[in-house]
């Protein structure tokens, strides 16, 4: 079984020299230490989102759908 946590940051992840290992990551409040398929949202703009595999073997998948923009008006 895989345990995972979704994290987000307000750091500029595209800045020259940015190191994700030393960045300021915050655990998503409802997607921490999960072991099954879950969904949620982030209701405000962030600069980066990542999926951290805490333990276990196997694979995890993160799908992100950005709101706003696009579509036909």
C-alpha atoms as a PDB file:
ATOM      1  CA  UNK A   1       0.000   0.000   0.000  1.00  0.00           C
ATOM      2  CA  UNK A   2       1.228   3.455  -0.898  1.00  0.00           C
ATOM      3  CA  UNK A   3       0.780   6.413   1.451  1.00  0.00           C
ATOM      4  CA  UNK A   4       0.813   9.840  -0.211  1.00  0.00           C
ATOM      5  CA  UNK A   5       0.409  13.523   0.581  1.00  0.00           C
ATOM      6  CA  UNK A   6      -0.456  16.371  -1.804  1.00  0.00           C
ATOM      7  CA  UNK A   7       1.506  19.548  -1.103  1.00  0.00           C
ATOM      8  CA  UNK A   8       1.424  23.102  -2.464  1.00  0.00           C
ATOM      9  CA  UNK A   9       3.752  26.089  -2.342  1.00  0.00           C
ATOM     10  CA  UNK A  10       3.727  29.828  -2.921  1.00  0.00           C
ATOM     11  CA  UNK A  11       7.433  29.714  -3.855  1.00  0.00           C
ATOM     12  CA  UNK A  12       8.430  30.663  -7.405  1.00  0.00           C
ATOM     13  CA  UNK A  13       9.206  27.147  -8.606  1.00  0.00           C
ATOM     14  CA  UNK A  14      10.554  28.516 -11.919  1.00  0.00           C
ATOM     15  CA  UNK A  15      13.103  30.846 -10.280  1.00  0.00           C
ATOM     16  CA  UNK A  16      16.716  30.198 -11.209  1.00  0.00           C
ATOM     17  CA  UNK A  17      18.315  28.005  -8.562  1.00  0.00           C
ATOM     18  CA  UNK A  18      15.021  27.000  -6.940  1.00  0.00           C
ATOM     19  CA  UNK A  19      15.422  23.697  -5.088  1.00  0.00           C
ATOM     20  CA  UNK A  20      12.173  21.799  -4.353  1.00  0.00           C
ATOM     21  CA  UNK A  21      13.911  19.859  -1.579  1.00  0.00           C
ATOM     22  CA  UNK A  22      14.405  23.066   0.417  1.00  0.00           C
ATOM     23  CA  UNK A  23      11.206  24.840  -0.667  1.00  0.00           C
ATOM     24  CA  UNK A  24       8.335  25.892   1.581  1.00  0.00           C
ATOM     25  CA  UNK A  25       5.762  23.151   1.005  1.00  0.00           C
ATOM     26  CA  UNK A  26       2.437  22.952   2.842  1.00  0.00           C
ATOM     27  CA  UNK A  27       0.445  19.723   3.198  1.00  0.00           C
ATOM     28  CA  UNK A  28      -3.053  19.897   1.742  1.00  0.00           C
ATOM     29  CA  UNK A  29      -5.376  19.668   4.770  1.00  0.00           C
ATOM     30  CA  UNK A  30      -7.515  16.786   3.447  1.00  0.00           C
ATOM     31  CA  UNK A  31      -4.967  15.000   1.235  1.00  0.00           C
ATOM     32  CA  UNK A  32      -2.371  14.069   3.848  1.00  0.00           C
ATOM     33  CA  UNK A  33      -1.239  10.486   4.540  1.00  0.00           C
ATOM     34  CA  UNK A  34      -3.845   9.006   2.200  1.00  0.00           C
ATOM     35  CA  UNK A  35      -3.853   5.416   0.957  1.00  0.00           C
ATOM     36  CA  UNK A  36      -6.840   5.393  -1.421  1.00  0.00           C
ATOM     37  CA  UNK A  37      -8.117   7.505  -4.319  1.00  0.00           C
ATOM     38  CA  UNK A  38      -9.227  10.948  -3.114  1.00  0.00           C
ATOM     39  CA  UNK A  39     -10.239  14.262  -4.629  1.00  0.00           C
ATOM     40  CA  UNK A  40     -10.262  17.812  -3.345  1.00  0.00           C
ATOM     41  CA  UNK A  41      -9.469  21.348  -4.425  1.00  0.00           C
ATOM     42  CA  UNK A  42      -7.348  24.364  -3.634  1.00  0.00           C
ATOM     43  CA  UNK A  43      -9.584  27.428  -3.650  1.00  0.00           C
ATOM     44  CA  UNK A  44      -6.827  30.026  -4.150  1.00  0.00           C
ATOM     45  CA  UNK A  45      -3.871  30.433  -6.504  1.00  0.00           C
ATOM     46  CA  UNK A  46      -0.661  28.604  -5.632  1.00  0.00           C
ATOM     47  CA  UNK A  47       2.604  28.423  -7.569  1.00  0.00           C
ATOM     48  CA  UNK A  48       3.263  24.713  -7.384  1.00  0.00           C
ATOM     49  CA  UNK A  49       1.609  21.423  -6.461  1.00  0.00           C
ATOM     50  CA  UNK A  50       3.331  18.104  -5.919  1.00  0.00           C
ATOM     51  CA  UNK A  51       2.520  14.562  -4.907  1.00  0.00           C
ATOM     52  CA  UNK A  52       4.793  13.185  -2.184  1.00  0.00           C
ATOM     53  CA  UNK A  53       4.911   9.435  -1.721  1.00  0.00           C
ATOM     54  CA  UNK A  54       5.388   8.888   2.016  1.00  0.00           C
ATOM     55  CA  UNK A  55       5.809   5.113   2.079  1.00  0.00           C
ATOM     56  CA  UNK A  56       5.020   1.889   0.311  1.00  0.00           C
ATOM     57  CA  UNK A  57       5.837   0.557  -3.098  1.00  0.00           C
ATOM     58  CA  UNK A  58       3.954   1.042  -6.290  1.00  0.00           C
ATOM     59  CA  UNK A  59       2.925   4.118  -8.188  1.00  0.00           C
ATOM     60  CA  UNK A  60       0.810   7.172  -7.501  1.00  0.00           C
ATOM     61  CA  UNK A  61      -0.842   9.522  -9.982  1.00  0.00           C
ATOM     62  CA  UNK A  62      -1.838  13.164  -9.518  1.00  0.00           C
ATOM     63  CA  UNK A  63      -4.274  14.793 -11.940  1.00  0.00           C
ATOM     64  CA  UNK A  64      -4.635  18.577 -11.776  1.00  0.00           C
ATOM     65  CA  UNK A  65      -7.389  20.477 -13.584  1.00  0.00           C
ATOM     66  CA  UNK A  66      -6.923  24.235 -13.559  1.00  0.00           C
ATOM     67  CA  UNK A  67     -10.101  26.303 -13.221  1.00  0.00           C
ATOM     68  CA  UNK A  68     -10.892  29.428 -15.216  1.00  0.00           C
ATOM     69  CA  UNK A  69      -9.661  30.485 -18.626  1.00  0.00           C
ATOM     70  CA  UNK A  70     -10.374  28.643 -21.819  1.00  0.00           C
ATOM     71  CA  UNK A  71     -13.637  27.431 -23.165  1.00  0.00           C
ATOM     72  CA  UNK A  72     -16.092  29.203 -25.425  1.00  0.00           C
ATOM     73  CA  UNK A  73     -17.789  32.344 -24.245  1.00  0.00           C
END
